[in-house]
PDB file of N, CA and C in Angstrom:
ATOM      1  N   MET A   1       0.799  -1.191   0.000  1.00  0.00           N
ATOM      2  CA  MET A   1       0.000   0.000   0.000  1.00  0.00           C
ATOM      3  C   MET A   1       0.844   1.258   0.000  1.00  0.00           C
ATOM      4  N   THR A   2       2.028   1.193   0.560  1.00  0.00           N
ATOM      5  CA  THR A   2       2.877   2.375   0.599  1.00  0.00           C
ATOM      6  C   THR A   2       3.376   2.748  -0.785  1.00  0.00           C
ATOM      7  N   GLU A   3       3.533   1.741  -1.668  1.00  0.00           N
ATOM      8  CA  GLU A   3       3.970   2.048  -3.038  1.00  0.00           C
ATOM      9  C   GLU A   3       2.876   2.835  -3.772  1.00  0.00           C
ATOM     10  N   ILE A   4       1.627   2.444  -3.591  1.00  0.00           N
ATOM     11  CA  ILE A   4       0.510   3.160  -4.231  1.00  0.00           C
ATOM     12  C   ILE A   4       0.409   4.570  -3.659  1.00  0.00           C
ATOM     13  N   ALA A   5       0.586   4.695  -2.374  1.00  0.00           N
ATOM     14  CA  ALA A   5       0.529   6.018  -1.741  1.00  0.00           C
ATOM     15  C   ALA A   5       1.665   6.894  -2.236  1.00  0.00           C
ATOM     16  N   THR A   6       2.842   6.302  -2.432  1.00  0.00           N
ATOM     17  CA  THR A   6       3.986   7.065  -2.938  1.00  0.00           C
ATOM     18  C   THR A   6       3.705   7.560  -4.357  1.00  0.00           C
ATOM     19  N   TRP A   7       3.193   6.667  -5.217  1.00  0.00           N
ATOM     20  CA  TRP A   7       2.888   7.075  -6.590  1.00  0.00           C
ATOM     21  C   TRP A   7       1.756   8.109  -6.621  1.00  0.00           C
ATOM     22  N   LEU A   8       0.830   7.964  -5.702  1.00  0.00           N
ATOM     23  CA  LEU A   8      -0.247   8.947  -5.616  1.00  0.00           C
ATOM     24  C   LEU A   8       0.304  10.316  -5.213  1.00  0.00           C
ATOM     25  N   MET A   9       1.219  10.340  -4.295  1.00  0.00           N
ATOM     26  CA  MET A   9       1.858  11.593  -3.890  1.00  0.00           C
ATOM     27  C   MET A   9       2.670  12.192  -5.048  1.00  0.00           C
ATOM     28  N   VAL A  10       3.369  11.330  -5.799  1.00  0.00           N
ATOM     29  CA  VAL A  10       4.133  11.801  -6.962  1.00  0.00           C
ATOM     30  C   VAL A  10       3.182  12.411  -7.995  1.00  0.00           C
ATOM     31  N   ALA A  11       2.069  11.744  -8.243  1.00  0.00           N
ATOM     32  CA  ALA A  11       1.094  12.247  -9.213  1.00  0.00           C
ATOM     33  C   ALA A  11       0.518  13.584  -8.756  1.00  0.00           C
ATOM     34  N   ILE A  12       0.200  13.686  -7.473  1.00  0.00           N
ATOM     35  CA  ILE A  12      -0.328  14.947  -6.947  1.00  0.00           C
ATOM     36  C   ILE A  12       0.713  16.058  -7.051  1.00  0.00           C
ATOM     37  N   ALA A  13       1.967  15.736  -6.743  1.00  0.00           N
ATOM     38  CA  ALA A  13       3.038  16.738  -6.854  1.00  0.00           C
ATOM     39  C   ALA A  13       3.225  17.174  -8.301  1.00  0.00           C
ATOM     40  N   PHE A  14       3.184  16.211  -9.235  1.00  0.00           N
ATOM     41  CA  PHE A  14       3.352  16.541 -10.653  1.00  0.00           C
ATOM     42  C   PHE A  14       2.194  17.418 -11.145  1.00  0.00           C
ATOM     43  N   ILE A  15       0.972  17.034 -10.763  1.00  0.00           N
ATOM     44  CA  ILE A  15      -0.192  17.827 -11.177  1.00  0.00           C
ATOM     45  C   ILE A  15      -0.123  19.230 -10.568  1.00  0.00           C
ATOM     46  N   SER A  16       0.314  19.337  -9.340  1.00  0.00           N
ATOM     47  CA  SER A  16       0.463  20.650  -8.700  1.00  0.00           C
ATOM     48  C   SER A  16       1.495  21.495  -9.430  1.00  0.00           C
ATOM     49  N   LEU A  17       2.610  20.872  -9.812  1.00  0.00           N
ATOM     50  CA  LEU A  17       3.653  21.594 -10.541  1.00  0.00           C
ATOM     51  C   LEU A  17       3.139  22.077 -11.897  1.00  0.00           C
ATOM     52  N   VAL A  18       2.444  21.199 -12.598  1.00  0.00           N
ATOM     53  CA  VAL A  18       1.900  21.569 -13.909  1.00  0.00           C
ATOM     54  C   VAL A  18       0.880  22.697 -13.757  1.00  0.00           C
ATOM     55  N   LEU A  19      -0.014  22.595 -12.784  1.00  0.00           N
ATOM     56  CA  LEU A  19      -1.012  23.646 -12.583  1.00  0.00           C
ATOM     57  C   LEU A  19      -0.373  24.958 -12.151  1.00  0.00           C
ATOM     58  N   THR A  20       0.719  24.880 -11.404  1.00  0.00           N
ATOM     59  CA  THR A  20       1.422  26.090 -10.982  1.00  0.00           C
ATOM     60  C   THR A  20       1.977  26.843 -12.178  1.00  0.00           C
ATOM     61  N   VAL A  21       2.335  26.116 -13.223  1.00  0.00           N
ATOM     62  CA  VAL A  21       2.869  26.748 -14.431  1.00  0.00           C
ATOM     63  C   VAL A  21       1.741  27.103 -15.395  1.00  0.00           C
ATOM     64  N   LEU A  22       0.804  26.187 -15.582  1.00  0.00           N
ATOM     65  CA  LEU A  22      -0.223  26.387 -16.601  1.00  0.00           C
ATOM     66  C   LEU A  22      -1.241  27.470 -16.247  1.00  0.00           C
ATOM     67  N   VAL A  23      -1.681  27.525 -15.017  1.00  0.00           N
ATOM     68  CA  VAL A  23      -2.715  28.492 -14.648  1.00  0.00           C
ATOM     69  C   VAL A  23      -2.237  29.933 -14.869  1.00  0.00           C
ATOM     70  N   PRO A  24      -1.057  30.335 -14.365  1.00  0.00           N
ATOM     71  CA  PRO A  24      -0.612  31.708 -14.650  1.00  0.00           C
ATOM     72  C   PRO A  24      -0.373  31.965 -16.145  1.00  0.00           C
ATOM     73  N   LEU A  25       0.102  30.937 -16.841  1.00  0.00           N
ATOM     74  CA  LEU A  25       0.318  31.089 -18.278  1.00  0.00           C
ATOM     75  C   LEU A  25      -1.003  31.332 -18.999  1.00  0.00           C
ATOM     76  N   LEU A  26      -2.014  30.553 -18.680  1.00  0.00           N
ATOM     77  CA  LEU A  26      -3.322  30.733 -19.319  1.00  0.00           C
ATOM     78  C   LEU A  26      -3.948  32.071 -18.949  1.00  0.00           C
ATOM     79  N   VAL A  27      -3.787  32.502 -17.697  1.00  0.00           N
ATOM     80  CA  VAL A  27      -4.315  33.800 -17.280  1.00  0.00           C
ATOM     81  C   VAL A  27      -3.630  34.929 -18.042  1.00  0.00           C
ATOM     82  N   SER A  28      -2.310  34.828 -18.179  1.00  0.00           N
ATOM     83  CA  SER A  28      -1.596  35.884 -18.905  1.00  0.00           C
ATOM     84  C   SER A  28      -1.975  35.903 -20.381  1.00  0.00           C
ATOM     85  N   LEU A  29      -2.170  34.736 -20.984  1.00  0.00           N
ATOM     86  CA  LEU A  29      -2.616  34.694 -22.384  1.00  0.00           C
ATOM     87  C   LEU A  29      -4.013  35.294 -22.538  1.00  0.00           C
ATOM     88  N   PHE A  30      -4.890  34.993 -21.606  1.00  0.00           N
ATOM     89  CA  PHE A  30      -6.242  35.548 -21.653  1.00  0.00           C
ATOM     90  C   PHE A  30      -6.203  37.073 -21.523  1.00  0.00           C
ATOM     91  N   ASN A  31      -5.389  37.572 -20.598  1.00  0.00           N
ATOM     92  CA  ASN A  31      -5.267  39.022 -20.423  1.00  0.00           C
ATOM     93  C   ASN A  31      -4.657  39.677 -21.657  1.00  0.00           C
ATOM     94  N   ALA A  32      -3.657  39.041 -22.248  1.00  0.00           N
ATOM     95  CA  ALA A  32      -3.051  39.585 -23.468  1.00  0.00           C
ATOM     96  C   ALA A  32      -4.078  39.633 -24.593  1.00  0.00           C
ATOM     97  N   HIS A  33      -4.930  38.624 -24.677  1.00  0.00           N
ATOM     98  CA  HIS A  33      -5.975  38.606 -25.700  1.00  0.00           C
ATOM     99  C   HIS A  33      -6.948  39.753 -25.490  1.00  0.00           C
ATOM    100  N   LYS A  34      -7.339  40.008 -24.250  1.00  0.00           N
ATOM    101  CA  LYS A  34      -8.260  41.109 -23.957  1.00  0.00           C
ATOM    102  C   LYS A  34      -7.633  42.449 -24.319  1.00  0.00           C
ATOM    103  N   VAL A  35      -6.350  42.632 -23.982  1.00  0.00           N
ATOM    104  CA  VAL A  35      -5.661  43.893 -24.291  1.00  0.00           C
ATOM    105  C   VAL A  35      -5.573  44.084 -25.811  1.00  0.00           C
ATOM    106  N   THR A  36      -5.243  43.017 -26.515  1.00  0.00           N
ATOM    107  CA  THR A  36      -5.146  43.106 -27.974  1.00  0.00           C
ATOM    108  C   THR A  36      -6.500  43.420 -28.593  1.00  0.00           C
ATOM    109  N   ALA A  37      -7.557  42.835 -28.074  1.00  0.00           N
ATOM    110  CA  ALA A  37      -8.901  43.109 -28.594  1.00  0.00           C
ATOM    111  C   ALA A  37      -9.280  44.569 -28.364  1.00  0.00           C
ATOM    112  N   LYS A  38      -8.921  45.126 -27.204  1.00  0.00           N
ATOM    113  CA  LYS A  38      -9.207  46.542 -26.935  1.00  0.00           C
ATOM    114  C   LYS A  38      -8.420  47.445 -27.882  1.00  0.00           C
ATOM    115  N   GLU A  39      -7.139  47.127 -28.092  1.00  0.00           N
ATOM    116  CA  GLU A  39      -6.317  47.928 -28.996  1.00  0.00           C
ATOM    117  C   GLU A  39      -6.856  47.871 -30.418  1.00  0.00           C
ATOM    118  N   LEU A  40      -7.286  46.698 -30.846  1.00  0.00           N
ATOM    119  CA  LEU A  40      -7.856  46.559 -32.186  1.00  0.00           C
ATOM    120  C   LEU A  40      -9.137  47.376 -32.312  1.00  0.00           C
ATOM    121  N   SER A  41      -9.949  47.364 -31.289  1.00  0.00           N
ATOM    122  CA  SER A  41     -11.185  48.147 -31.307  1.00  0.00           C
ATOM    123  C   SER A  41     -10.879  49.637 -31.415  1.00  0.00           C
ATOM    124  N   LYS A  42      -9.901  50.102 -30.647  1.00  0.00           N
ATOM    125  CA  LYS A  42      -9.511  51.511 -30.726  1.00  0.00           C
ATOM    126  C   LYS A  42      -8.982  51.857 -32.110  1.00  0.00           C
ATOM    127  N   HIS A  43      -8.193  50.950 -32.686  1.00  0.00           N
ATOM    128  CA  HIS A  43      -7.635  51.201 -34.024  1.00  0.00           C
ATOM    129  C   HIS A  43      -8.745  51.243 -35.070  1.00  0.00           C
ATOM    130  N   GLN A  44      -9.715  50.340 -34.959  1.00  0.00           N
ATOM    131  CA  GLN A  44     -10.827  50.346 -35.908  1.00  0.00           C
ATOM    132  C   GLN A  44     -11.611  51.655 -35.809  1.00  0.00           C
ATOM    133  N   THR A  45     -11.807  52.149 -34.598  1.00  0.00           N
ATOM    134  CA  THR A  45     -12.501  53.421 -34.415  1.00  0.00           C
ATOM    135  C   THR A  45     -11.692  54.554 -35.038  1.00  0.00           C
ATOM    136  N   HIS A  46     -10.380  54.542 -34.829  1.00  0.00           N
ATOM    137  CA  HIS A  46      -9.515  55.585 -35.399  1.00  0.00           C
ATOM    138  C   HIS A  46      -9.586  55.568 -36.927  1.00  0.00           C
ATOM    139  N   VAL A  47      -9.520  54.386 -37.506  1.00  0.00           N
ATOM    140  CA  VAL A  47      -9.585  54.277 -38.968  1.00  0.00           C
ATOM    141  C   VAL A  47     -10.929  54.771 -39.482  1.00  0.00           C
ATOM    142  N   ALA A  48     -12.006  54.409 -38.806  1.00  0.00           N
ATOM    143  CA  ALA A  48     -13.345  54.832 -39.239  1.00  0.00           C
ATOM    144  C   ALA A  48     -13.497  56.343 -39.159  1.00  0.00           C
ATOM    145  N   GLU A  49     -12.854  56.971 -38.176  1.00  0.00           N
ATOM    146  CA  GLU A  49     -12.977  58.418 -38.024  1.00  0.00           C
ATOM    147  C   GLU A  49     -12.034  59.174 -38.946  1.00  0.00           C
ATOM    148  N   THR A  50     -10.905  58.601 -39.299  1.00  0.00           N
ATOM    149  CA  THR A  50      -9.841  59.337 -39.975  1.00  0.00           C
ATOM    150  C   THR A  50      -9.830  59.155 -41.489  1.00  0.00           C
ATOM    151  N   TYR A  51      -9.980  57.943 -41.962  1.00  0.00           N
ATOM    152  CA  TYR A  51      -9.768  57.676 -43.375  1.00  0.00           C
ATOM    153  C   TYR A  51     -11.059  57.760 -44.178  1.00  0.00           C
ATOM    154  N   ALA A  52     -10.905  57.965 -45.468  1.00  0.00           N
ATOM    155  CA  ALA A  52     -12.051  58.169 -46.354  1.00  0.00           C
ATOM    156  C   ALA A  52     -12.818  56.869 -46.560  1.00  0.00           C
ATOM    157  N   THR A  53     -14.103  57.022 -46.766  1.00  0.00           N
ATOM    158  CA  THR A  53     -14.934  55.865 -47.080  1.00  0.00           C
ATOM    159  C   THR A  53     -14.951  55.670 -48.593  1.00  0.00           C
ATOM    160  N   LYS A  54     -15.542  54.581 -49.032  1.00  0.00           N
ATOM    161  CA  LYS A  54     -15.648  54.315 -50.471  1.00  0.00           C
ATOM    162  C   LYS A  54     -16.439  55.424 -51.169  1.00  0.00           C
ATOM    163  N   ASP A  55     -17.489  55.913 -50.520  1.00  0.00           N
ATOM    164  CA  ASP A  55     -18.303  56.977 -51.119  1.00  0.00           C
ATOM    165  C   ASP A  55     -17.492  58.262 -51.272  1.00  0.00           C
ATOM    166  N   ASP A  56     -16.652  58.564 -50.258  1.00  0.00           N
ATOM    167  CA  ASP A  56     -15.805  59.762 -50.348  1.00  0.00           C
ATOM    168  C   ASP A  56     -14.845  59.665 -51.526  1.00  0.00           C
ATOM    169  N   VAL A  57     -14.240  58.504 -51.698  1.00  0.00           N
ATOM    170  CA  VAL A  57     -13.291  58.313 -52.799  1.00  0.00           C
ATOM    171  C   VAL A  57     -14.020  58.393 -54.138  1.00  0.00           C
ATOM    172  N   LYS A  58     -15.225  57.812 -54.210  1.00  0.00           N
ATOM    173  CA  LYS A  58     -15.999  57.870 -55.458  1.00  0.00           C
ATOM    174  C   LYS A  58     -16.357  59.314 -55.791  1.00  0.00           C
ATOM    175  N   ASP A  59     -16.799  60.079 -54.794  1.00  0.00           N
ATOM    176  CA  ASP A  59     -17.122  61.485 -55.026  1.00  0.00           C
ATOM    177  C   ASP A  59     -15.894  62.259 -55.500  1.00  0.00           C
ATOM    178  N   LEU A  60     -14.761  61.999 -54.894  1.00  0.00           N
ATOM    179  CA  LEU A  60     -13.523  62.658 -55.315  1.00  0.00           C
ATOM    180  C   LEU A  60     -13.188  62.310 -56.757  1.00  0.00           C
ATOM    181  N   GLY A  61     -13.311  61.037 -57.118  1.00  0.00           N
ATOM    182  CA  GLY A  61     -13.049  60.620 -58.499  1.00  0.00           C
ATOM    183  C   GLY A  61     -13.993  61.283 -59.477  1.00  0.00           C
ATOM    184  N   ASP A  62     -15.261  61.379 -59.114  1.00  0.00           N
ATOM    185  CA  ASP A  62     -16.240  62.031 -59.987  1.00  0.00           C
ATOM    186  C   ASP A  62     -15.908  63.509 -60.181  1.00  0.00           C
ATOM    187  N   ARG A  63     -15.525  64.184 -59.090  1.00  0.00           N
ATOM    188  CA  ARG A  63     -15.159  65.604 -59.209  1.00  0.00           C
ATOM    189  C   ARG A  63     -13.925  65.775 -60.092  1.00  0.00           C
ATOM    190  N   MET A  64     -12.946  64.895 -59.911  1.00  0.00           N
ATOM    191  CA  MET A  64     -11.728  64.992 -60.738  1.00  0.00           C
ATOM    192  C   MET A  64     -12.057  64.764 -62.208  1.00  0.00           C
ATOM    193  N   GLU A  65     -12.942  63.790 -62.475  1.00  0.00           N
ATOM    194  CA  GLU A  65     -13.318  63.504 -63.853  1.00  0.00           C
ATOM    195  C   GLU A  65     -14.033  64.708 -64.480  1.00  0.00           C
ATOM    196  N   ARG A  66     -14.942  65.334 -63.741  1.00  0.00           N
ATOM    197  CA  ARG A  66     -15.627  66.520 -64.263  1.00  0.00           C
ATOM    198  C   ARG A  66     -14.639  67.649 -64.534  1.00  0.00           C
ATOM    199  N   SER A  67     -13.706  67.852 -63.608  1.00  0.00           N
ATOM    200  CA  SER A  67     -12.713  68.912 -63.793  1.00  0.00           C
ATOM    201  C   SER A  67     -11.835  68.638 -65.008  1.00  0.00           C
ATOM    202  N   MET A  68     -11.456  67.380 -65.192  1.00  0.00           N
ATOM    203  CA  MET A  68     -10.624  67.032 -66.360  1.00  0.00           C
ATOM    204  C   MET A  68     -11.409  67.259 -67.644  1.00  0.00           C
ATOM    205  N   ASN A  69     -12.683  66.860 -67.649  1.00  0.00           N
ATOM    206  CA  ASN A  69     -13.496  67.063 -68.863  1.00  0.00           C
ATOM    207  C   ASN A  69     -13.633  68.550 -69.171  1.00  0.00           C
ATOM    208  N   GLN A  70     -13.854  69.369 -68.153  1.00  0.00           N
ATOM    209  CA  GLN A  70     -13.938  70.815 -68.374  1.00  0.00           C
ATOM    210  C   GLN A  70     -12.614  71.356 -68.903  1.00  0.00           C
ATOM    211  N   GLY A  71     -11.510  70.886 -68.344  1.00  0.00           N
ATOM    212  CA  GLY A  71     -10.194  71.336 -68.806  1.00  0.00           C
ATOM    213  C   GLY A  71      -9.944  70.930 -70.251  1.00  0.00           C
ATOM    214  N   PHE A  72     -10.304  69.695 -70.619  1.00  0.00           N
ATOM    215  CA  PHE A  72     -10.115  69.248 -72.001  1.00  0.00           C
ATOM    216  C   PHE A  72     -11.000  70.047 -72.956  1.00  0.00           C
ATOM    217  N   ASP A  73     -12.233  70.333 -72.518  1.00  0.00           N
ATOM    218  CA  ASP A  73     -13.125  71.133 -73.355  1.00  0.00           C
ATOM    219  C   ASP A  73     -12.539  72.532 -73.580  1.00  0.00           C
ATOM    220  N   GLN A  74     -11.954  73.115 -72.524  1.00  0.00           N
ATOM    221  CA  GLN A  74     -11.338  74.436 -72.664  1.00  0.00           C
ATOM    222  C   GLN A  74     -10.133  74.383 -73.606  1.00  0.00           C
ATOM    223  N   ILE A  75      -9.361  73.327 -73.535  1.00  0.00           N
ATOM    224  CA  ILE A  75      -8.199  73.195 -74.435  1.00  0.00           C
ATOM    225  C   ILE A  75      -8.672  73.041 -75.871  1.00  0.00           C
ATOM    226  N   LYS A  76      -9.713  72.221 -76.106  1.00  0.00           N
ATOM    227  CA  LYS A  76     -10.257  72.057 -77.462  1.00  0.00           C
ATOM    228  C   LYS A  76     -10.749  73.394 -78.005  1.00  0.00           C
ATOM    229  N   GLU A  77     -11.473  74.114 -77.153  1.00  0.00           N
ATOM    230  CA  GLU A  77     -11.996  75.413 -77.571  1.00  0.00           C
ATOM    231  C   GLU A  77     -10.869  76.374 -77.905  1.00  0.00           C
ATOM    232  N   LEU A  78      -9.823  76.380 -77.107  1.00  0.00           N
ATOM    233  CA  LEU A  78      -8.673  77.253 -77.351  1.00  0.00           C
ATOM    234  C   LEU A  78      -7.984  76.891 -78.667  1.00  0.00           C
ATOM    235  N   ILE A  79      -7.815  75.579 -78.908  1.00  0.00           N
ATOM    236  CA  ILE A  79      -7.173  75.136 -80.162  1.00  0.00           C
ATOM    237  C   ILE A  79      -8.054  75.511 -81.349  1.00  0.00           C
ATOM    238  N   ASN A  80      -9.368  75.284 -81.241  1.00  0.00           N
ATOM    239  CA  ASN A  80     -10.257  75.616 -82.337  1.00  0.00           C
ATOM    240  C   ASN A  80     -10.280  77.124 -82.612  1.00  0.00           C
ATOM    241  N   ASN A  81     -10.244  77.936 -81.567  1.00  0.00           N
ATOM    242  CA  ASN A  81     -10.220  79.382 -81.739  1.00  0.00           C
ATOM    243  C   ASN A  81      -8.926  79.823 -82.421  1.00  0.00           C
ATOM    244  N   ASN A  82      -7.815  79.201 -82.088  1.00  0.00           N
ATOM    245  CA  ASN A  82      -6.538  79.550 -82.716  1.00  0.00           C
ATOM    246  C   ASN A  82      -6.522  79.138 -84.186  1.00  0.00           C
ATOM    247  N   ARG A  83      -7.131  78.016 -84.526  1.00  0.00           N
ATOM    248  CA  ARG A  83      -7.197  77.574 -85.929  1.00  0.00           C
ATOM    249  C   ARG A  83      -8.071  78.528 -86.738  1.00  0.00           C
ATOM    250  N   ASN A  84      -9.216  78.926 -86.163  1.00  0.00           N
ATOM    251  CA  ASN A  84     -10.127  79.808 -86.867  1.00  0.00           C
ATOM    252  C   ASN A  84      -9.528  81.201 -87.039  1.00  0.00           C
ATOM    253  N   ALA A  85      -8.735  81.622 -86.088  1.00  0.00           N
ATOM    254  CA  ALA A  85      -8.157  82.939 -86.174  1.00  0.00           C
ATOM    255  C   ALA A  85      -7.028  82.987 -87.206  1.00  0.00           C
ATOM    256  N   ALA A  86      -6.393  81.853 -87.449  1.00  0.00           N
ATOM    257  CA  ALA A  86      -5.243  81.840 -88.363  1.00  0.00           C
ATOM    258  C   ALA A  86      -5.617  81.729 -89.779  1.00  0.00           C
TER     259      ALA A  86
END
């Protein structure tokens, strides 16, 4: 019976040692995950507040296209006026 009791004590000591290492490790990983999730949330909020949306970029592209068309029309008109004057 003493051999079984000895092995039981060894098993309890081993399990205690493993839990002494694993529990703090798991707690620290869980806390790191929570901190990372908070940082990601803050970053997502910053990006949403700071950077342009798809609609903003589309509006900018449309304005640039209109401005380019007006500029090309003015250049055509200028060239045509110079040809007619000559």
